[in-house]
Amino acid sequence: MGDLGVQTAVEPVSGGSDTGARRFTALVGDDWEIWGPAGGYVAAIALRAAGAVSPFARPASFFCHYLSVAAFEEVDLMVTPLRSGRTVLAQRVEMTQHGRPVLEAMVWSVGHVEGLAHNDVHPPDVPDPDDLRSFAELRPDDDGPPFAFWRNFDQKPIDYTETWPPPGPLPPTWRTWLRCAPRATFDDPWIDAARSLIVLDVLSWPAGSRPHAYMEPPFIAPSLDLYASFQHAGTSSEWLLLDAHSPVAADGLLSWTGRVWSRDRQLIASGGGQAVFRHT
């Protein structure tokens, strides 16, 4: 397993550009493998690069296109300011590897801003993690998860199915509690947001595949993009409730939305994206 704070860290590189761009490098760790490096993990590295330059402690939103699959090697990052103000900053993050585009992201961060406030959220009615069994307890004879990515988390599933593949179609929703290991929480708001970004991205296939899993279809669905908005800090919540829904899969695309809740049911982050089907 890999420490999220360490394995999303970026290192500055001397030299920039006339536009104020800053260069960084980062190492893509193989602890986060799932069909290659997990998209949310690669996105989290880009988010950390933006945070290394931003004067603001609060990431507000993130959007990226996944342009190619990274190798488990060093990547280069260029962070360019697009608009800066007294309380806001917009940045572009370009990630490349051996000159090949891997990801392009847009990031907003904000300072202290006064404004209106309301909180009309409806968290799912699910058991607390203390009332659930872990995957290790549910499947004591298993060798562990099939992908290294899942070894970075303690997981207590809510939508658990004893028989897999299931006997028939399941709803296109997926809920589970996750806790990062070996370190569960991070005081740095940019690392905290990176934690949400990683788990938001991975919601697509577990939700979207459930109506079809009983047929064991010969497909995977890598993400084309990822959008995330960060509502509240999750620094005090070790356990995160992942709440995913795939409303439509059609014409080669799988759409999905997701929400990340704290243990006390505060909305930490929300987002979604599109994935494209590929034959296995």
C-alpha atoms as a PDB file:
ATOM      1  CA  MET A   1       0.000   0.000   0.000  1.00  0.00           C
ATOM      2  CA  GLY A   2       1.067   3.570  -0.598  1.00  0.00           C
ATOM      3  CA  ASP A   3       0.785   6.708   1.533  1.00  0.00           C
ATOM      4  CA  LEU A   4      -1.439   9.033  -0.482  1.00  0.00           C
ATOM      5  CA  GLY A   5       0.313  12.168   0.740  1.00  0.00           C
ATOM      6  CA  VAL A   6       3.731  10.877  -0.256  1.00  0.00           C
ATOM      7  CA  GLN A   7       2.724   9.245  -3.524  1.00  0.00           C
ATOM      8  CA  THR A   8       0.911  12.292  -4.925  1.00  0.00           C
ATOM      9  CA  ALA A   9       3.747  14.694  -4.022  1.00  0.00           C
ATOM     10  CA  VAL A  10       5.343  16.850  -6.721  1.00  0.00           C
ATOM     11  CA  GLU A  11       8.867  18.260  -6.978  1.00  0.00           C
ATOM     12  CA  PRO A  12       9.606  21.705  -8.459  1.00  0.00           C
ATOM     13  CA  VAL A  13      11.883  21.968 -11.469  1.00  0.00           C
ATOM     14  CA  SER A  14      13.888  25.124 -12.148  1.00  0.00           C
ATOM     15  CA  GLY A  15      12.721  27.243 -15.025  1.00  0.00           C
ATOM     16  CA  GLY A  16       9.308  28.441 -16.115  1.00  0.00           C
ATOM     17  CA  SER A  17       7.946  30.615 -18.869  1.00  0.00           C
ATOM     18  CA  ASP A  18       6.974  34.187 -19.645  1.00  0.00           C
ATOM     19  CA  THR A  19       3.370  33.284 -18.791  1.00  0.00           C
ATOM     20  CA  GLY A  20       4.292  32.529 -15.187  1.00  0.00           C
ATOM     21  CA  ALA A  21       4.068  28.770 -15.693  1.00  0.00           C
ATOM     22  CA  ARG A  22       5.839  26.537 -13.197  1.00  0.00           C
ATOM     23  CA  ARG A  23       7.301  23.099 -13.849  1.00  0.00           C
ATOM     24  CA  PHE A  24       7.162  20.024 -11.606  1.00  0.00           C
ATOM     25  CA  THR A  25       7.888  16.317 -11.737  1.00  0.00           C
ATOM     26  CA  ALA A  26       6.226  13.440  -9.899  1.00  0.00           C
ATOM     27  CA  LEU A  27       6.622   9.687  -9.734  1.00  0.00           C
ATOM     28  CA  VAL A  28       3.601   7.564 -10.664  1.00  0.00           C
ATOM     29  CA  GLY A  29       3.562   4.767  -8.082  1.00  0.00           C
ATOM     30  CA  ASP A  30       2.502   1.231  -8.941  1.00  0.00           C
ATOM     31  CA  ASP A  31       0.619   0.911  -5.634  1.00  0.00           C
ATOM     32  CA  TRP A  32      -2.266   2.605  -7.494  1.00  0.00           C
ATOM     33  CA  GLU A  33      -2.625   0.155 -10.385  1.00  0.00           C
ATOM     34  CA  ILE A  34      -6.095  -0.570 -11.779  1.00  0.00           C
ATOM     35  CA  TRP A  35      -6.137  -1.044 -15.586  1.00  0.00           C
ATOM     36  CA  GLY A  36      -2.866   0.939 -15.410  1.00  0.00           C
ATOM     37  CA  PRO A  37      -2.424   3.869 -12.991  1.00  0.00           C
ATOM     38  CA  ALA A  38      -5.870   4.753 -11.616  1.00  0.00           C
ATOM     39  CA  GLY A  39      -7.177   7.875 -13.315  1.00  0.00           C
ATOM     40  CA  GLY A  40      -8.128   9.568 -10.068  1.00  0.00           C
ATOM     41  CA  TYR A  41      -4.643   8.974  -8.705  1.00  0.00           C
ATOM     42  CA  VAL A  42      -3.029  10.593 -11.767  1.00  0.00           C
ATOM     43  CA  ALA A  43      -5.546  13.446 -11.465  1.00  0.00           C
ATOM     44  CA  ALA A  44      -4.608  13.844  -7.795  1.00  0.00           C
ATOM     45  CA  ILE A  45      -0.974  14.416  -8.783  1.00  0.00           C
ATOM     46  CA  ALA A  46      -2.112  17.203 -11.122  1.00  0.00           C
ATOM     47  CA  LEU A  47      -4.206  18.706  -8.320  1.00  0.00           C
ATOM     48  CA  ARG A  48      -1.184  18.664  -5.999  1.00  0.00           C
ATOM     49  CA  ALA A  49       0.855  20.503  -8.631  1.00  0.00           C
ATOM     50  CA  ALA A  50      -1.781  23.240  -8.787  1.00  0.00           C
ATOM     51  CA  GLY A  51      -1.791  23.442  -5.005  1.00  0.00           C
ATOM     52  CA  ALA A  52       1.985  23.818  -4.909  1.00  0.00           C
ATOM     53  CA  VAL A  53       1.626  27.130  -6.774  1.00  0.00           C
ATOM     54  CA  SER A  54      -1.714  28.484  -5.546  1.00  0.00           C
ATOM     55  CA  PRO A  55      -1.588  31.073  -2.749  1.00  0.00           C
ATOM     56  CA  PHE A  56      -4.978  29.793  -1.555  1.00  0.00           C
ATOM     57  CA  ALA A  57      -5.559  26.895   0.800  1.00  0.00           C
ATOM     58  CA  ARG A  58      -8.922  25.878  -0.628  1.00  0.00           C
ATOM     59  CA  PRO A  59      -9.323  23.974  -3.913  1.00  0.00           C
ATOM     60  CA  ALA A  60     -12.798  24.683  -5.302  1.00  0.00           C
ATOM     61  CA  SER A  61     -13.107  22.551  -8.434  1.00  0.00           C
ATOM     62  CA  PHE A  62     -11.178  20.293 -10.775  1.00  0.00           C
ATOM     63  CA  PHE A  63     -11.838  19.100 -14.326  1.00  0.00           C
ATOM     64  CA  CYS A  64      -9.604  16.992 -16.510  1.00  0.00           C
ATOM     65  CA  HIS A  65      -9.373  15.022 -19.738  1.00  0.00           C
ATOM     66  CA  TYR A  66      -7.472  11.746 -19.646  1.00  0.00           C
ATOM     67  CA  LEU A  67      -5.415  11.780 -22.847  1.00  0.00           C
ATOM     68  CA  SER A  68      -3.349   8.600 -22.493  1.00  0.00           C
ATOM     69  CA  VAL A  69      -2.466   5.948 -19.938  1.00  0.00           C
ATOM     70  CA  ALA A  70       0.619   6.837 -17.925  1.00  0.00           C
ATOM     71  CA  ALA A  71       3.422   4.381 -17.231  1.00  0.00           C
ATOM     72  CA  PHE A  72       4.626   3.817 -13.670  1.00  0.00           C
ATOM     73  CA  GLU A  73       7.430   6.298 -14.172  1.00  0.00           C
ATOM     74  CA  GLU A  74       8.155   9.979 -13.708  1.00  0.00           C
ATOM     75  CA  VAL A  75       5.768  12.503 -15.247  1.00  0.00           C
ATOM     76  CA  ASP A  76       6.337  16.163 -16.103  1.00  0.00           C
ATOM     77  CA  LEU A  77       3.825  18.823 -15.115  1.00  0.00           C
ATOM     78  CA  MET A  78       3.406  22.409 -16.269  1.00  0.00           C
ATOM     79  CA  VAL A  79       1.118  24.636 -14.183  1.00  0.00           C
ATOM     80  CA  THR A  80      -0.010  27.829 -15.917  1.00  0.00           C
ATOM     81  CA  PRO A  81      -2.078  30.592 -14.268  1.00  0.00           C
ATOM     82  CA  LEU A  82      -5.054  31.581 -16.420  1.00  0.00           C
ATOM     83  CA  ARG A  83      -6.812  34.113 -14.222  1.00  0.00           C
ATOM     84  CA  SER A  84      -5.855  35.438 -10.816  1.00  0.00           C
ATOM     85  CA  GLY A  85      -7.683  37.769  -8.495  1.00  0.00           C
ATOM     86  CA  ARG A  86      -7.727  38.798  -4.881  1.00  0.00           C
ATOM     87  CA  THR A  87      -9.688  35.693  -3.855  1.00  0.00           C
ATOM     88  CA  VAL A  88      -9.628  33.338  -6.875  1.00  0.00           C
ATOM     89  CA  LEU A  89      -7.116  31.611  -9.117  1.00  0.00           C
ATOM     90  CA  ALA A  90      -7.657  29.525 -12.261  1.00  0.00           C
ATOM     91  CA  GLN A  91      -4.856  27.229 -13.427  1.00  0.00           C
ATOM     92  CA  ARG A  92      -4.152  24.831 -16.256  1.00  0.00           C
ATOM     93  CA  VAL A  93      -2.125  21.711 -15.466  1.00  0.00           C
ATOM     94  CA  GLU A  94      -0.547  19.799 -18.335  1.00  0.00           C
ATOM     95  CA  MET A  95       0.901  16.376 -17.550  1.00  0.00           C
ATOM     96  CA  THR A  96       3.218  14.654 -20.027  1.00  0.00           C
ATOM     97  CA  GLN A  97       5.465  11.611 -20.025  1.00  0.00           C
ATOM     98  CA  HIS A  98       8.383  11.406 -22.487  1.00  0.00           C
ATOM     99  CA  GLY A  99       6.689  14.262 -24.374  1.00  0.00           C
ATOM    100  CA  ARG A 100       3.377  12.366 -24.699  1.00  0.00           C
ATOM    101  CA  PRO A 101       0.262  14.103 -23.277  1.00  0.00           C
ATOM    102  CA  VAL A 102      -1.208  12.168 -20.348  1.00  0.00           C
ATOM    103  CA  LEU A 103      -3.723  14.564 -18.790  1.00  0.00           C
ATOM    104  CA  GLU A 104      -4.872  18.162 -19.061  1.00  0.00           C
ATOM    105  CA  ALA A 105      -6.692  19.740 -16.140  1.00  0.00           C
ATOM    106  CA  MET A 106      -8.339  22.996 -15.082  1.00  0.00           C
ATOM    107  CA  VAL A 107      -8.313  23.929 -11.401  1.00  0.00           C
ATOM    108  CA  TRP A 108      -9.991  26.709  -9.444  1.00  0.00           C
ATOM    109  CA  SER A 109      -8.867  27.636  -5.939  1.00  0.00           C
ATOM    110  CA  VAL A 110     -10.269  30.344  -3.679  1.00  0.00           C
ATOM    111  CA  GLY A 111      -9.347  32.369  -0.636  1.00  0.00           C
ATOM    112  CA  HIS A 112     -11.679  33.690   2.036  1.00  0.00           C
ATOM    113  CA  VAL A 113     -14.948  34.723   0.373  1.00  0.00           C
ATOM    114  CA  GLU A 114     -18.104  36.000   2.085  1.00  0.00           C
ATOM    115  CA  GLY A 115     -21.472  34.977   0.656  1.00  0.00           C
ATOM    116  CA  LEU A 116     -24.835  33.335   1.140  1.00  0.00           C
ATOM    117  CA  ALA A 117     -25.114  29.895   2.706  1.00  0.00           C
ATOM    118  CA  HIS A 118     -27.557  27.003   2.545  1.00  0.00           C
ATOM    119  CA  ASN A 119     -27.239  23.257   2.940  1.00  0.00           C
ATOM    120  CA  ASP A 120     -29.952  21.218   1.187  1.00  0.00           C
ATOM    121  CA  VAL A 121     -28.289  17.788   1.082  1.00  0.00           C
ATOM    122  CA  HIS A 122     -29.816  14.364   1.514  1.00  0.00           C
ATOM    123  CA  PRO A 123     -27.224  11.738   2.446  1.00  0.00           C
ATOM    124  CA  PRO A 124     -28.136   8.101   1.868  1.00  0.00           C
ATOM    125  CA  ASP A 125     -29.588   6.217   4.798  1.00  0.00           C
ATOM    126  CA  VAL A 126     -26.887   3.596   5.319  1.00  0.00           C
ATOM    127  CA  PRO A 127     -25.303   1.836   8.313  1.00  0.00           C
ATOM    128  CA  ASP A 128     -22.305   3.334  10.097  1.00  0.00           C
ATOM    129  CA  PRO A 129     -18.959   1.649   9.307  1.00  0.00           C
ATOM    130  CA  ASP A 130     -18.777   0.280  12.868  1.00  0.00           C
ATOM    131  CA  ASP A 131     -21.931  -1.723  12.083  1.00  0.00           C
ATOM    132  CA  LEU A 132     -20.508  -3.330   8.938  1.00  0.00           C
ATOM    133  CA  ARG A 133     -17.978  -6.038   8.224  1.00  0.00           C
ATOM    134  CA  SER A 134     -14.886  -5.444   6.119  1.00  0.00           C
ATOM    135  CA  PHE A 135     -14.175  -7.263   2.868  1.00  0.00           C
ATOM    136  CA  ALA A 136     -11.539  -9.296   4.693  1.00  0.00           C
ATOM    137  CA  GLU A 137     -14.197 -10.447   7.167  1.00  0.00           C
ATOM    138  CA  LEU A 138     -16.793 -11.082   4.461  1.00  0.00           C
ATOM    139  CA  ARG A 139     -14.397 -13.063   2.267  1.00  0.00           C
ATOM    140  CA  PRO A 140     -11.765 -14.553   4.609  1.00  0.00           C
ATOM    141  CA  ASP A 141     -10.637 -17.141   2.030  1.00  0.00           C
ATOM    142  CA  ASP A 142      -9.890 -14.608  -0.721  1.00  0.00           C
ATOM    143  CA  ASP A 143      -6.317 -13.753  -1.660  1.00  0.00           C
ATOM    144  CA  GLY A 144      -7.170 -10.045  -1.550  1.00  0.00           C
ATOM    145  CA  PRO A 145      -8.318  -7.514  -4.148  1.00  0.00           C
ATOM    146  CA  PRO A 146      -7.427  -8.180  -7.798  1.00  0.00           C
ATOM    147  CA  PHE A 147      -5.875  -4.720  -8.274  1.00  0.00           C
ATOM    148  CA  ALA A 148      -3.184  -3.056  -6.170  1.00  0.00           C
ATOM    149  CA  PHE A 149      -5.312   0.124  -5.998  1.00  0.00           C
ATOM    150  CA  TRP A 150      -7.765  -1.390  -3.497  1.00  0.00           C
ATOM    151  CA  ARG A 151      -4.969  -2.366  -1.103  1.00  0.00           C
ATOM    152  CA  ASN A 152      -4.605   1.341  -0.268  1.00  0.00           C
ATOM    153  CA  PHE A 153      -7.949   1.276   1.545  1.00  0.00           C
ATOM    154  CA  ASP A 154      -9.871  -0.446   4.290  1.00  0.00           C
ATOM    155  CA  GLN A 155     -13.310  -1.087   2.842  1.00  0.00           C
ATOM    156  CA  LYS A 156     -16.676  -1.875   4.411  1.00  0.00           C
ATOM    157  CA  PRO A 157     -19.168  -2.508   1.605  1.00  0.00           C
ATOM    158  CA  ILE A 158     -22.834  -1.589   1.848  1.00  0.00           C
ATOM    159  CA  ASP A 159     -24.117  -2.968  -1.470  1.00  0.00           C
ATOM    160  CA  TYR A 160     -22.499  -6.341  -0.871  1.00  0.00           C
ATOM    161  CA  THR A 161     -23.534  -9.385  -2.912  1.00  0.00           C
ATOM    162  CA  GLU A 162     -22.490 -12.783  -1.560  1.00  0.00           C
ATOM    163  CA  THR A 163     -22.647 -14.512  -4.949  1.00  0.00           C
ATOM    164  CA  TRP A 164     -20.528 -13.031  -7.745  1.00  0.00           C
ATOM    165  CA  PRO A 165     -21.344 -12.822 -10.554  1.00  0.00           C
ATOM    166  CA  PRO A 166     -24.829 -12.088  -9.230  1.00  0.00           C
ATOM    167  CA  PRO A 167     -27.771 -14.178 -10.436  1.00  0.00           C
ATOM    168  CA  GLY A 168     -29.342 -11.219 -12.246  1.00  0.00           C
ATOM    169  CA  PRO A 169     -29.088  -7.486 -12.933  1.00  0.00           C
ATOM    170  CA  LEU A 170     -28.488  -5.158  -9.992  1.00  0.00           C
ATOM    171  CA  PRO A 171     -29.347  -1.439  -9.721  1.00  0.00           C
ATOM    172  CA  PRO A 172     -26.716   0.924 -11.226  1.00  0.00           C
ATOM    173  CA  THR A 173     -25.747   2.253  -7.795  1.00  0.00           C
ATOM    174  CA  TRP A 174     -22.834   1.471  -5.511  1.00  0.00           C
ATOM    175  CA  ARG A 175     -22.145   2.485  -1.938  1.00  0.00           C
ATOM    176  CA  THR A 176     -19.255   1.634   0.330  1.00  0.00           C
ATOM    177  CA  TRP A 177     -17.224   3.023   3.211  1.00  0.00           C
ATOM    178  CA  LEU A 178     -13.509   3.529   2.528  1.00  0.00           C
ATOM    179  CA  ARG A 179     -10.603   4.531   4.752  1.00  0.00           C
ATOM    180  CA  CYS A 180      -7.146   5.310   3.387  1.00  0.00           C
ATOM    181  CA  ALA A 181      -4.266   3.196   4.642  1.00  0.00           C
ATOM    182  CA  PRO A 182      -1.700   3.458   6.083  1.00  0.00           C
ATOM    183  CA  ARG A 183      -2.674   7.090   6.849  1.00  0.00           C
ATOM    184  CA  ALA A 184      -6.384   7.931   6.886  1.00  0.00           C
ATOM    185  CA  THR A 185      -6.588  11.748   7.084  1.00  0.00           C
ATOM    186  CA  PHE A 186      -4.485  14.710   6.006  1.00  0.00           C
ATOM    187  CA  ASP A 187      -4.412  18.217   7.445  1.00  0.00           C
ATOM    188  CA  ASP A 188      -3.239  19.759   4.160  1.00  0.00           C
ATOM    189  CA  PRO A 189      -6.459  20.769   2.319  1.00  0.00           C
ATOM    190  CA  TRP A 190      -4.916  19.961  -1.072  1.00  0.00           C
ATOM    191  CA  ILE A 191      -4.049  16.406  -0.003  1.00  0.00           C
ATOM    192  CA  ASP A 192      -7.486  16.086   1.577  1.00  0.00           C
ATOM    193  CA  ALA A 193      -9.056  17.119  -1.745  1.00  0.00           C
ATOM    194  CA  ALA A 194      -6.755  14.676  -3.570  1.00  0.00           C
ATOM    195  CA  ARG A 195      -8.184  11.899  -1.389  1.00  0.00           C
ATOM    196  CA  SER A 196     -11.717  12.780  -2.542  1.00  0.00           C
ATOM    197  CA  LEU A 197     -10.610  13.079  -6.162  1.00  0.00           C
ATOM    198  CA  ILE A 198      -9.102   9.594  -6.179  1.00  0.00           C
ATOM    199  CA  VAL A 199     -12.215   7.922  -4.798  1.00  0.00           C
ATOM    200  CA  LEU A 200     -14.636   9.958  -6.942  1.00  0.00           C
ATOM    201  CA  ASP A 201     -12.959   8.737 -10.110  1.00  0.00           C
ATOM    202  CA  VAL A 202     -13.185   5.069  -9.168  1.00  0.00           C
ATOM    203  CA  LEU A 203     -16.986   5.158  -8.717  1.00  0.00           C
ATOM    204  CA  SER A 204     -17.831   4.794 -12.409  1.00  0.00           C
ATOM    205  CA  TRP A 205     -17.334   1.073 -13.071  1.00  0.00           C
ATOM    206  CA  PRO A 206     -18.594  -0.332  -9.737  1.00  0.00           C
ATOM    207  CA  ALA A 207     -21.926   1.466 -10.310  1.00  0.00           C
ATOM    208  CA  GLY A 208     -22.203   1.198 -14.094  1.00  0.00           C
ATOM    209  CA  SER A 209     -21.290  -2.488 -14.344  1.00  0.00           C
ATOM    210  CA  ARG A 210     -23.789  -3.764 -11.770  1.00  0.00           C
ATOM    211  CA  PRO A 211     -26.794  -4.103 -14.135  1.00  0.00           C
ATOM    212  CA  HIS A 212     -24.643  -6.247 -16.457  1.00  0.00           C
ATOM    213  CA  ALA A 213     -22.258  -8.134 -14.186  1.00  0.00           C
ATOM    214  CA  TYR A 214     -24.404 -11.279 -14.155  1.00  0.00           C
ATOM    215  CA  MET A 215     -23.608 -11.767 -17.870  1.00  0.00           C
ATOM    216  CA  GLU A 216     -19.845 -11.327 -17.266  1.00  0.00           C
ATOM    217  CA  PRO A 217     -19.612  -8.996 -20.287  1.00  0.00           C
ATOM    218  CA  PRO A 218     -16.242  -8.681 -22.079  1.00  0.00           C
ATOM    219  CA  PHE A 219     -15.847  -4.952 -21.426  1.00  0.00           C
ATOM    220  CA  ILE A 220     -14.066  -2.446 -19.270  1.00  0.00           C
ATOM    221  CA  ALA A 221     -14.878   1.283 -19.240  1.00  0.00           C
ATOM    222  CA  PRO A 222     -11.903   3.632 -18.715  1.00  0.00           C
ATOM    223  CA  SER A 223     -12.825   7.229 -17.896  1.00  0.00           C
ATOM    224  CA  LEU A 224     -12.554   9.949 -20.526  1.00  0.00           C
ATOM    225  CA  ASP A 225     -12.796  12.781 -18.027  1.00  0.00           C
ATOM    226  CA  LEU A 226     -13.453  13.689 -14.420  1.00  0.00           C
ATOM    227  CA  TYR A 227     -15.171  16.662 -12.787  1.00  0.00           C
ATOM    228  CA  ALA A 228     -15.085  17.333  -9.054  1.00  0.00           C
ATOM    229  CA  SER A 229     -16.332  20.131  -6.837  1.00  0.00           C
ATOM    230  CA  PHE A 230     -15.124  20.312  -3.257  1.00  0.00           C
ATOM    231  CA  GLN A 231     -17.845  21.340  -0.793  1.00  0.00           C
ATOM    232  CA  HIS A 232     -16.320  20.817   2.658  1.00  0.00           C
ATOM    233  CA  ALA A 233     -13.048  19.683   4.171  1.00  0.00           C
ATOM    234  CA  GLY A 234     -12.886  16.022   5.103  1.00  0.00           C
ATOM    235  CA  THR A 235      -9.843  16.305   7.348  1.00  0.00           C
ATOM    236  CA  SER A 236     -11.694  15.113  10.464  1.00  0.00           C
ATOM    237  CA  SER A 237     -13.295  12.025   8.898  1.00  0.00           C
ATOM    238  CA  GLU A 238     -11.218   8.862   8.582  1.00  0.00           C
ATOM    239  CA  TRP A 239     -14.038   6.980   6.877  1.00  0.00           C
ATOM    240  CA  LEU A 240     -15.521   8.250   3.612  1.00  0.00           C
ATOM    241  CA  LEU A 241     -18.924   7.163   2.314  1.00  0.00           C
ATOM    242  CA  LEU A 242     -18.856   6.717  -1.469  1.00  0.00           C
ATOM    243  CA  ASP A 243     -22.234   7.103  -3.159  1.00  0.00           C
ATOM    244  CA  ALA A 244     -22.289   6.371  -6.906  1.00  0.00           C
ATOM    245  CA  HIS A 245     -24.959   6.218  -9.609  1.00  0.00           C
ATOM    246  CA  SER A 246     -24.713   5.452 -13.320  1.00  0.00           C
ATOM    247  CA  PRO A 247     -27.921   6.826 -14.878  1.00  0.00           C
ATOM    248  CA  VAL A 248     -27.203   5.833 -18.498  1.00  0.00           C
ATOM    249  CA  ALA A 249     -24.993   3.440 -20.438  1.00  0.00           C
ATOM    250  CA  ALA A 250     -25.597   3.636 -24.194  1.00  0.00           C
ATOM    251  CA  ASP A 251     -23.869   4.039 -27.548  1.00  0.00           C
ATOM    252  CA  GLY A 252     -20.488   3.006 -26.152  1.00  0.00           C
ATOM    253  CA  LEU A 253     -20.506   5.461 -23.242  1.00  0.00           C
ATOM    254  CA  LEU A 254     -21.141   5.057 -19.529  1.00  0.00           C
ATOM    255  CA  SER A 255     -22.235   8.131 -17.574  1.00  0.00           C
ATOM    256  CA  TRP A 256     -21.841   8.379 -13.827  1.00  0.00           C
ATOM    257  CA  THR A 257     -22.157  10.743 -10.883  1.00  0.00           C
ATOM    258  CA  GLY A 258     -20.772  10.407  -7.401  1.00  0.00           C
ATOM    259  CA  ARG A 259     -20.757  11.973  -3.969  1.00  0.00           C
ATOM    260  CA  VAL A 260     -18.317  11.634  -1.091  1.00  0.00           C
ATOM    261  CA  TRP A 261     -19.689  12.012   2.439  1.00  0.00           C
ATOM    262  CA  SER A 262     -17.978  12.288   5.808  1.00  0.00           C
ATOM    263  CA  ARG A 263     -18.862   9.927   8.620  1.00  0.00           C
ATOM    264  CA  ASP A 264     -21.181  12.585  10.099  1.00  0.00           C
ATOM    265  CA  ARG A 265     -22.879  12.819   6.655  1.00  0.00           C
ATOM    266  CA  GLN A 266     -21.442  16.143   5.549  1.00  0.00           C
ATOM    267  CA  LEU A 267     -21.012  16.404   1.778  1.00  0.00           C
ATOM    268  CA  ILE A 268     -17.275  16.608   1.124  1.00  0.00           C
ATOM    269  CA  ALA A 269     -17.119  16.405  -2.679  1.00  0.00           C
ATOM    270  CA  SER A 270     -19.271  15.589  -5.685  1.00  0.00           C
ATOM    271  CA  GLY A 271     -18.621  14.997  -9.346  1.00  0.00           C
ATOM    272  CA  GLY A 272     -18.971  12.733 -12.320  1.00  0.00           C
ATOM    273  CA  GLY A 273     -17.800  11.976 -15.805  1.00  0.00           C
ATOM    274  CA  GLN A 274     -18.022   9.833 -18.909  1.00  0.00           C
ATOM    275  CA  ALA A 275     -16.354   6.505 -19.569  1.00  0.00           C
ATOM    276  CA  VAL A 276     -15.960   4.687 -22.890  1.00  0.00           C
ATOM    277  CA  PHE A 277     -16.364   0.946 -23.294  1.00  0.00           C
ATOM    278  CA  ARG A 278     -13.504  -1.196 -24.521  1.00  0.00           C
ATOM    279  CA  HIS A 279     -13.333  -4.929 -25.160  1.00  0.00           C
ATOM    280  CA  THR A 280     -11.188  -6.865 -22.716  1.00  0.00           C
END
